[in-house]
PDB file of all heavy atoms in Angstrom:
ATOM      1  N   GLU A   1     -29.987  -4.175  -1.262  1.00  0.00           N
ATOM      2  CA  GLU A   1     -28.699  -4.083  -1.899  1.00  0.00           C
ATOM      3  C   GLU A   1     -27.569  -3.977  -0.917  1.00  0.00           C
ATOM      4  O   GLU A   1     -27.558  -3.011  -0.129  1.00  0.00           O
ATOM      5  CB  GLU A   1     -28.651  -2.922  -2.891  1.00  0.00           C
ATOM      6  CG  GLU A   1     -29.448  -3.131  -4.183  1.00  0.00           C
ATOM      7  CD  GLU A   1     -29.311  -1.962  -5.129  1.00  0.00           C
ATOM      8  OE1 GLU A   1     -29.911  -0.915  -4.865  1.00  0.00           O
ATOM      9  OE2 GLU A   1     -28.602  -2.082  -6.101  1.00  0.00           O
ATOM     10  N   LYS A   2     -26.654  -4.916  -0.967  1.00  0.00           N
ATOM     11  CA  LYS A   2     -25.429  -4.780  -0.185  1.00  0.00           C
ATOM     12  C   LYS A   2     -24.424  -4.035  -1.050  1.00  0.00           C
ATOM     13  O   LYS A   2     -24.231  -4.379  -2.244  1.00  0.00           O
ATOM     14  CB  LYS A   2     -24.854  -6.131   0.236  1.00  0.00           C
ATOM     15  CG  LYS A   2     -23.504  -6.006   0.917  1.00  0.00           C
ATOM     16  CD  LYS A   2     -22.879  -7.286   1.366  1.00  0.00           C
ATOM     17  CE  LYS A   2     -21.506  -7.026   1.972  1.00  0.00           C
ATOM     18  NZ  LYS A   2     -20.815  -8.215   2.471  1.00  0.00           N
ATOM     19  N   ILE A   3     -23.740  -3.083  -0.467  1.00  0.00           N
ATOM     20  CA  ILE A   3     -22.749  -2.278  -1.198  1.00  0.00           C
ATOM     21  C   ILE A   3     -21.415  -2.352  -0.458  1.00  0.00           C
ATOM     22  O   ILE A   3     -21.360  -2.193   0.742  1.00  0.00           O
ATOM     23  CB  ILE A   3     -23.211  -0.809  -1.306  1.00  0.00           C
ATOM     24  CG1 ILE A   3     -24.499  -0.727  -2.110  1.00  0.00           C
ATOM     25  CG2 ILE A   3     -22.112   0.037  -1.933  1.00  0.00           C
ATOM     26  CD1 ILE A   3     -25.046   0.665  -2.267  1.00  0.00           C
ATOM     27  N   VAL A   4     -20.373  -2.642  -1.230  1.00  0.00           N
ATOM     28  CA  VAL A   4     -19.002  -2.617  -0.682  1.00  0.00           C
ATOM     29  C   VAL A   4     -18.232  -1.539  -1.363  1.00  0.00           C
ATOM     30  O   VAL A   4     -18.182  -1.503  -2.606  1.00  0.00           O
ATOM     31  CB  VAL A   4     -18.323  -3.978  -0.853  1.00  0.00           C
ATOM     32  CG1 VAL A   4     -16.883  -3.893  -0.338  1.00  0.00           C
ATOM     33  CG2 VAL A   4     -19.084  -5.063  -0.064  1.00  0.00           C
ATOM     34  N   VAL A   5     -17.638  -0.661  -0.598  1.00  0.00           N
ATOM     35  CA  VAL A   5     -16.825   0.417  -1.148  1.00  0.00           C
ATOM     36  C   VAL A   5     -15.343   0.141  -0.789  1.00  0.00           C
ATOM     37  O   VAL A   5     -15.024   0.049   0.404  1.00  0.00           O
ATOM     38  CB  VAL A   5     -17.268   1.781  -0.528  1.00  0.00           C
ATOM     39  CG1 VAL A   5     -16.381   2.877  -1.115  1.00  0.00           C
ATOM     40  CG2 VAL A   5     -18.722   2.037  -0.836  1.00  0.00           C
ATOM     41  N   ARG A   6     -14.534  -0.020  -1.766  1.00  0.00           N
ATOM     42  CA  ARG A   6     -13.104  -0.234  -1.562  1.00  0.00           C
ATOM     43  C   ARG A   6     -12.385   1.105  -1.622  1.00  0.00           C
ATOM     44  O   ARG A   6     -12.527   1.890  -2.563  1.00  0.00           O
ATOM     45  CB  ARG A   6     -12.523  -1.153  -2.676  1.00  0.00           C
ATOM     46  CG  ARG A   6     -10.992  -1.252  -2.783  1.00  0.00           C
ATOM     47  CD  ARG A   6     -10.364  -1.878  -1.551  1.00  0.00           C
ATOM     48  NE  ARG A   6     -10.793  -3.215  -1.249  1.00  0.00           N
ATOM     49  CZ  ARG A   6     -10.212  -4.309  -1.732  1.00  0.00           C
ATOM     50  NH1 ARG A   6      -9.217  -4.218  -2.581  1.00  0.00           N
ATOM     51  NH2 ARG A   6     -10.708  -5.476  -1.402  1.00  0.00           N
ATOM     52  N   VAL A   7     -11.601   1.397  -0.546  1.00  0.00           N
ATOM     53  CA  VAL A   7     -10.873   2.661  -0.456  1.00  0.00           C
ATOM     54  C   VAL A   7      -9.498   2.426  -1.078  1.00  0.00           C
ATOM     55  O   VAL A   7      -8.699   1.616  -0.552  1.00  0.00           O
ATOM     56  CB  VAL A   7     -10.751   3.138   1.012  1.00  0.00           C
ATOM     57  CG1 VAL A   7      -9.993   4.453   1.059  1.00  0.00           C
ATOM     58  CG2 VAL A   7     -12.152   3.235   1.632  1.00  0.00           C
ATOM     59  N   LEU A   8      -9.190   3.112  -2.138  1.00  0.00           N
ATOM     60  CA  LEU A   8      -7.909   2.943  -2.847  1.00  0.00           C
ATOM     61  C   LEU A   8      -7.009   4.124  -2.535  1.00  0.00           C
ATOM     62  O   LEU A   8      -7.366   5.289  -2.774  1.00  0.00           O
ATOM     63  CB  LEU A   8      -8.164   2.818  -4.326  1.00  0.00           C
ATOM     64  CG  LEU A   8      -9.127   1.687  -4.771  1.00  0.00           C
ATOM     65  CD1 LEU A   8      -9.399   1.771  -6.258  1.00  0.00           C
ATOM     66  CD2 LEU A   8      -8.536   0.330  -4.416  1.00  0.00           C
ATOM     67  N   SER A   9      -5.828   3.841  -2.067  1.00  0.00           N
ATOM     68  CA  SER A   9      -4.896   4.914  -1.727  1.00  0.00           C
ATOM     69  C   SER A   9      -4.374   5.574  -3.005  1.00  0.00           C
ATOM     70  O   SER A   9      -4.031   4.914  -3.993  1.00  0.00           O
ATOM     71  CB  SER A   9      -3.719   4.352  -0.935  1.00  0.00           C
ATOM     72  OG  SER A   9      -2.727   5.336  -0.735  1.00  0.00           O
ATOM     73  N   THR A  10      -4.356   6.910  -2.989  1.00  0.00           N
ATOM     74  CA  THR A  10      -3.773   7.661  -4.122  1.00  0.00           C
ATOM     75  C   THR A  10      -2.439   8.284  -3.722  1.00  0.00           C
ATOM     76  O   THR A  10      -1.903   9.109  -4.428  1.00  0.00           O
ATOM     77  CB  THR A  10      -4.752   8.766  -4.565  1.00  0.00           C
ATOM     78  OG1 THR A  10      -5.053   9.602  -3.437  1.00  0.00           O
ATOM     79  CG2 THR A  10      -6.043   8.143  -5.058  1.00  0.00           C
ATOM     80  N   ASP A  11      -1.943   7.916  -2.538  1.00  0.00           N
ATOM     81  CA  ASP A  11      -0.705   8.448  -2.044  1.00  0.00           C
ATOM     82  C   ASP A  11       0.479   7.689  -2.596  1.00  0.00           C
ATOM     83  O   ASP A  11       0.858   6.626  -2.106  1.00  0.00           O
ATOM     84  CB  ASP A  11      -0.678   8.436  -0.529  1.00  0.00           C
ATOM     85  CG  ASP A  11       0.514   9.173   0.088  1.00  0.00           C
ATOM     86  OD1 ASP A  11       1.354   9.670  -0.719  1.00  0.00           O
ATOM     87  OD2 ASP A  11       0.604   9.273   1.313  1.00  0.00           O
ATOM     88  N   LEU A  12       1.085   8.243  -3.673  1.00  0.00           N
ATOM     89  CA  LEU A  12       2.204   7.563  -4.301  1.00  0.00           C
ATOM     90  C   LEU A  12       3.417   7.488  -3.378  1.00  0.00           C
ATOM     91  O   LEU A  12       4.291   6.630  -3.532  1.00  0.00           O
ATOM     92  CB  LEU A  12       2.590   8.270  -5.614  1.00  0.00           C
ATOM     93  CG  LEU A  12       1.532   8.258  -6.733  1.00  0.00           C
ATOM     94  CD1 LEU A  12       2.058   8.960  -7.959  1.00  0.00           C
ATOM     95  CD2 LEU A  12       1.122   6.838  -7.050  1.00  0.00           C
ATOM     96  N   ALA A  13       3.487   8.394  -2.366  1.00  0.00           N
ATOM     97  CA  ALA A  13       4.608   8.359  -1.464  1.00  0.00           C
ATOM     98  C   ALA A  13       4.654   7.068  -0.650  1.00  0.00           C
ATOM     99  O   ALA A  13       5.704   6.649  -0.161  1.00  0.00           O
ATOM    100  CB  ALA A  13       4.527   9.543  -0.503  1.00  0.00           C
ATOM    101  N   LYS A  14       3.475   6.414  -0.482  1.00  0.00           N
ATOM    102  CA  LYS A  14       3.433   5.176   0.279  1.00  0.00           C
ATOM    103  C   LYS A  14       3.842   3.977  -0.564  1.00  0.00           C
ATOM    104  O   LYS A  14       3.986   2.879  -0.033  1.00  0.00           O
ATOM    105  CB  LYS A  14       2.018   4.953   0.814  1.00  0.00           C
ATOM    106  CG  LYS A  14       1.617   5.963   1.925  1.00  0.00           C
ATOM    107  CD  LYS A  14       0.253   5.657   2.453  1.00  0.00           C
ATOM    108  CE  LYS A  14      -0.145   6.650   3.594  1.00  0.00           C
ATOM    109  NZ  LYS A  14      -1.473   6.373   4.106  1.00  0.00           N
ATOM    110  N   LEU A  15       3.978   4.179  -1.864  1.00  0.00           N
ATOM    111  CA  LEU A  15       4.364   3.089  -2.731  1.00  0.00           C
ATOM    112  C   LEU A  15       5.891   2.958  -2.810  1.00  0.00           C
ATOM    113  O   LEU A  15       6.553   3.116  -3.803  1.00  0.00           O
ATOM    114  CB  LEU A  15       3.832   3.315  -4.139  1.00  0.00           C
ATOM    115  CG  LEU A  15       2.301   3.193  -4.293  1.00  0.00           C
ATOM    116  CD1 LEU A  15       1.922   3.420  -5.727  1.00  0.00           C
ATOM    117  CD2 LEU A  15       1.818   1.769  -3.853  1.00  0.00           C
ATOM    118  N   ASN A  16       6.471   2.698  -1.622  1.00  0.00           N
ATOM    119  CA  ASN A  16       7.883   2.386  -1.586  1.00  0.00           C
ATOM    120  C   ASN A  16       8.115   1.121  -0.750  1.00  0.00           C
ATOM    121  O   ASN A  16       7.299   0.768   0.072  1.00  0.00           O
ATOM    122  CB  ASN A  16       8.680   3.592  -1.030  1.00  0.00           C
ATOM    123  CG  ASN A  16       8.370   3.871   0.455  1.00  0.00           C
ATOM    124  OD1 ASN A  16       8.761   3.141   1.302  1.00  0.00           O
ATOM    125  ND2 ASN A  16       7.605   4.943   0.699  1.00  0.00           N
ATOM    126  N   LEU A  17       9.210   0.471  -1.026  1.00  0.00           N
ATOM    127  CA  LEU A  17       9.461  -0.842  -0.432  1.00  0.00           C
ATOM    128  C   LEU A  17       9.615  -0.791   1.078  1.00  0.00           C
ATOM    129  O   LEU A  17       9.200  -1.709   1.776  1.00  0.00           O
ATOM    130  CB  LEU A  17      10.660  -1.469  -1.106  1.00  0.00           C
ATOM    131  CG  LEU A  17      10.537  -1.657  -2.635  1.00  0.00           C
ATOM    132  CD1 LEU A  17      11.800  -2.276  -3.183  1.00  0.00           C
ATOM    133  CD2 LEU A  17       9.321  -2.500  -3.011  1.00  0.00           C
ATOM    134  N   GLU A  18      10.238   0.274   1.596  1.00  0.00           N
ATOM    135  CA  GLU A  18      10.400   0.386   3.013  1.00  0.00           C
ATOM    136  C   GLU A  18       9.061   0.514   3.728  1.00  0.00           C
ATOM    137  O   GLU A  18       8.843  -0.072   4.812  1.00  0.00           O
ATOM    138  CB  GLU A  18      11.292   1.583   3.392  1.00  0.00           C
ATOM    139  CG  GLU A  18      12.762   1.459   2.958  1.00  0.00           C
ATOM    140  CD  GLU A  18      12.973   1.894   1.500  1.00  0.00           C
ATOM    141  OE1 GLU A  18      11.974   2.232   0.795  1.00  0.00           O
ATOM    142  OE2 GLU A  18      14.124   1.802   1.025  1.00  0.00           O
ATOM    143  N   HIS A  19       8.179   1.299   3.137  1.00  0.00           N
ATOM    144  CA  HIS A  19       6.866   1.474   3.791  1.00  0.00           C
ATOM    145  C   HIS A  19       6.081   0.136   3.843  1.00  0.00           C
ATOM    146  O   HIS A  19       5.354  -0.106   4.790  1.00  0.00           O
ATOM    147  CB  HIS A  19       6.030   2.489   2.943  1.00  0.00           C
ATOM    148  CG  HIS A  19       4.686   2.725   3.504  1.00  0.00           C
ATOM    149  ND1 HIS A  19       4.411   3.590   4.529  1.00  0.00           N
ATOM    150  CD2 HIS A  19       3.440   2.203   3.122  1.00  0.00           C
ATOM    151  CE1 HIS A  19       3.106   3.591   4.806  1.00  0.00           C
ATOM    152  NE2 HIS A  19       2.519   2.782   3.954  1.00  0.00           N
ATOM    153  N   LEU A  20       6.300  -0.761   2.854  1.00  0.00           N
ATOM    154  CA  LEU A  20       5.592  -2.028   2.838  1.00  0.00           C
ATOM    155  C   LEU A  20       6.215  -3.029   3.803  1.00  0.00           C
ATOM    156  O   LEU A  20       5.593  -4.040   4.136  1.00  0.00           O
ATOM    157  CB  LEU A  20       5.610  -2.630   1.411  1.00  0.00           C
ATOM    158  CG  LEU A  20       4.902  -1.770   0.375  1.00  0.00           C
ATOM    159  CD1 LEU A  20       5.012  -2.416  -0.993  1.00  0.00           C
ATOM    160  CD2 LEU A  20       3.443  -1.568   0.727  1.00  0.00           C
ATOM    161  N   GLY A  21       7.478  -2.778   4.274  1.00  0.00           N
ATOM    162  CA  GLY A  21       8.063  -3.657   5.238  1.00  0.00           C
ATOM    163  C   GLY A  21       9.267  -4.448   4.781  1.00  0.00           C
ATOM    164  O   GLY A  21       9.773  -5.312   5.490  1.00  0.00           O
ATOM    165  N   TYR A  22       9.758  -4.213   3.527  1.00  0.00           N
ATOM    166  CA  TYR A  22      10.947  -4.910   3.069  1.00  0.00           C
ATOM    167  C   TYR A  22      12.194  -4.487   3.844  1.00  0.00           C
ATOM    168  O   TYR A  22      12.437  -3.265   3.990  1.00  0.00           O
ATOM    169  CB  TYR A  22      11.182  -4.601   1.581  1.00  0.00           C
ATOM    170  CG  TYR A  22      10.224  -5.291   0.637  1.00  0.00           C
ATOM    171  CD1 TYR A  22       9.004  -4.676   0.334  1.00  0.00           C
ATOM    172  CD2 TYR A  22      10.562  -6.506   0.016  1.00  0.00           C
ATOM    173  CE1 TYR A  22       8.104  -5.319  -0.573  1.00  0.00           C
ATOM    174  CE2 TYR A  22       9.663  -7.097  -0.860  1.00  0.00           C
ATOM    175  CZ  TYR A  22       8.453  -6.507  -1.145  1.00  0.00           C
ATOM    176  OH  TYR A  22       7.578  -7.110  -2.011  1.00  0.00           O
ATOM    177  N   ASN A  23      12.953  -5.473   4.331  1.00  0.00           N
ATOM    178  CA  ASN A  23      14.231  -5.089   4.969  1.00  0.00           C
ATOM    179  C   ASN A  23      15.284  -4.851   3.879  1.00  0.00           C
ATOM    180  O   ASN A  23      15.024  -5.052   2.699  1.00  0.00           O
ATOM    181  CB  ASN A  23      14.653  -6.178   5.957  1.00  0.00           C
ATOM    182  CG  ASN A  23      14.888  -7.541   5.316  1.00  0.00           C
ATOM    183  OD1 ASN A  23      15.365  -7.620   4.192  1.00  0.00           O
ATOM    184  ND2 ASN A  23      14.547  -8.611   6.017  1.00  0.00           N
ATOM    185  N   HIS A  24      16.480  -4.478   4.285  1.00  0.00           N
ATOM    186  CA  HIS A  24      17.482  -4.067   3.325  1.00  0.00           C
ATOM    187  C   HIS A  24      17.865  -5.244   2.377  1.00  0.00           C
ATOM    188  O   HIS A  24      17.964  -5.078   1.172  1.00  0.00           O
ATOM    189  CB  HIS A  24      18.725  -3.584   4.053  1.00  0.00           C
ATOM    190  CG  HIS A  24      19.874  -3.220   3.125  1.00  0.00           C
ATOM    191  ND1 HIS A  24      19.838  -2.070   2.376  1.00  0.00           N
ATOM    192  CD2 HIS A  24      21.047  -3.833   2.797  1.00  0.00           C
ATOM    193  CE1 HIS A  24      20.934  -1.987   1.641  1.00  0.00           C
ATOM    194  NE2 HIS A  24      21.679  -3.015   1.898  1.00  0.00           N
ATOM    195  N   ALA A  25      18.051  -6.459   2.952  1.00  0.00           N
ATOM    196  CA  ALA A  25      18.469  -7.602   2.171  1.00  0.00           C
ATOM    197  C   ALA A  25      17.411  -7.972   1.144  1.00  0.00           C
ATOM    198  O   ALA A  25      17.679  -8.228  -0.058  1.00  0.00           O
ATOM    199  CB  ALA A  25      18.773  -8.780   3.054  1.00  0.00           C
ATOM    200  N   ASP A  26      16.140  -8.000   1.559  1.00  0.00           N
ATOM    201  CA  ASP A  26      15.057  -8.345   0.657  1.00  0.00           C
ATOM    202  C   ASP A  26      14.888  -7.287  -0.409  1.00  0.00           C
ATOM    203  O   ASP A  26      14.590  -7.584  -1.583  1.00  0.00           O
ATOM    204  CB  ASP A  26      13.773  -8.537   1.419  1.00  0.00           C
ATOM    205  CG  ASP A  26      13.717  -9.824   2.260  1.00  0.00           C
ATOM    206  OD1 ASP A  26      14.533 -10.712   1.965  1.00  0.00           O
ATOM    207  OD2 ASP A  26      12.877  -9.931   3.168  1.00  0.00           O
ATOM    208  N   LYS A  27      15.036  -6.048  -0.024  1.00  0.00           N
ATOM    209  CA  LYS A  27      14.906  -4.947  -0.964  1.00  0.00           C
ATOM    210  C   LYS A  27      15.925  -5.102  -2.100  1.00  0.00           C
ATOM    211  O   LYS A  27      15.657  -4.909  -3.285  1.00  0.00           O
ATOM    212  CB  LYS A  27      15.051  -3.578  -0.291  1.00  0.00           C
ATOM    213  CG  LYS A  27      14.978  -2.423  -1.215  1.00  0.00           C
ATOM    214  CD  LYS A  27      15.180  -1.092  -0.455  1.00  0.00           C
ATOM    215  CE  LYS A  27      15.227   0.098  -1.417  1.00  0.00           C
ATOM    216  NZ  LYS A  27      15.445   1.356  -0.744  1.00  0.00           N
TER     217      LYS A  27
END
């Protein structure tokens, strides 16, 4: 059996546009 474990972030603080890399104009 091959097993793949996906690690899902539960840190809601990282769910912001700046953290993802959006610049001011794109945001």
